[in-house]
């Protein structure tokens, strides 16, 4: 059960922090993304919103600045990184997601029809996934 103080309205609202969820809920979110934005009760995300989310949106002018954080093999959609080349054997260009700084990571590979989430709450120490996160997603794609 969540600490009740975590459920209080923050002074500054940000989609980048303070989000609470469970692995089961995030797995349902992955299913929604893999189903093109449709959930069990109907469409939740318009197809165009999902396209904007999951496609590299970096301009040629912005790309050199982004490489410092993302590296040369990742682009940026609307709030998520997008693979510009396969990151693991079995993964595909267009896989999208993000590593959170506290050891959380969620990625969806629409071409492979898979997605996965890991919730460790162990800081990664940088913008790329820690070794254990990279090992996790390597195993996911080796399935």
Foldseek 3Di string as FASTA:
>chain_A
DDDVVLVDDDPDDDPQDSDDDDQVVVQQVLVCLLVQQAHPVGHDDDNVVSVQQQDFDDDPVCVVVCCVAPNPQWGGGVPWIFGNADPEVQAGGRWIWAQRQQGWTKIHGNVSSDIHIDDDRHGQPGRDRHPVVSVVVNVVRVD
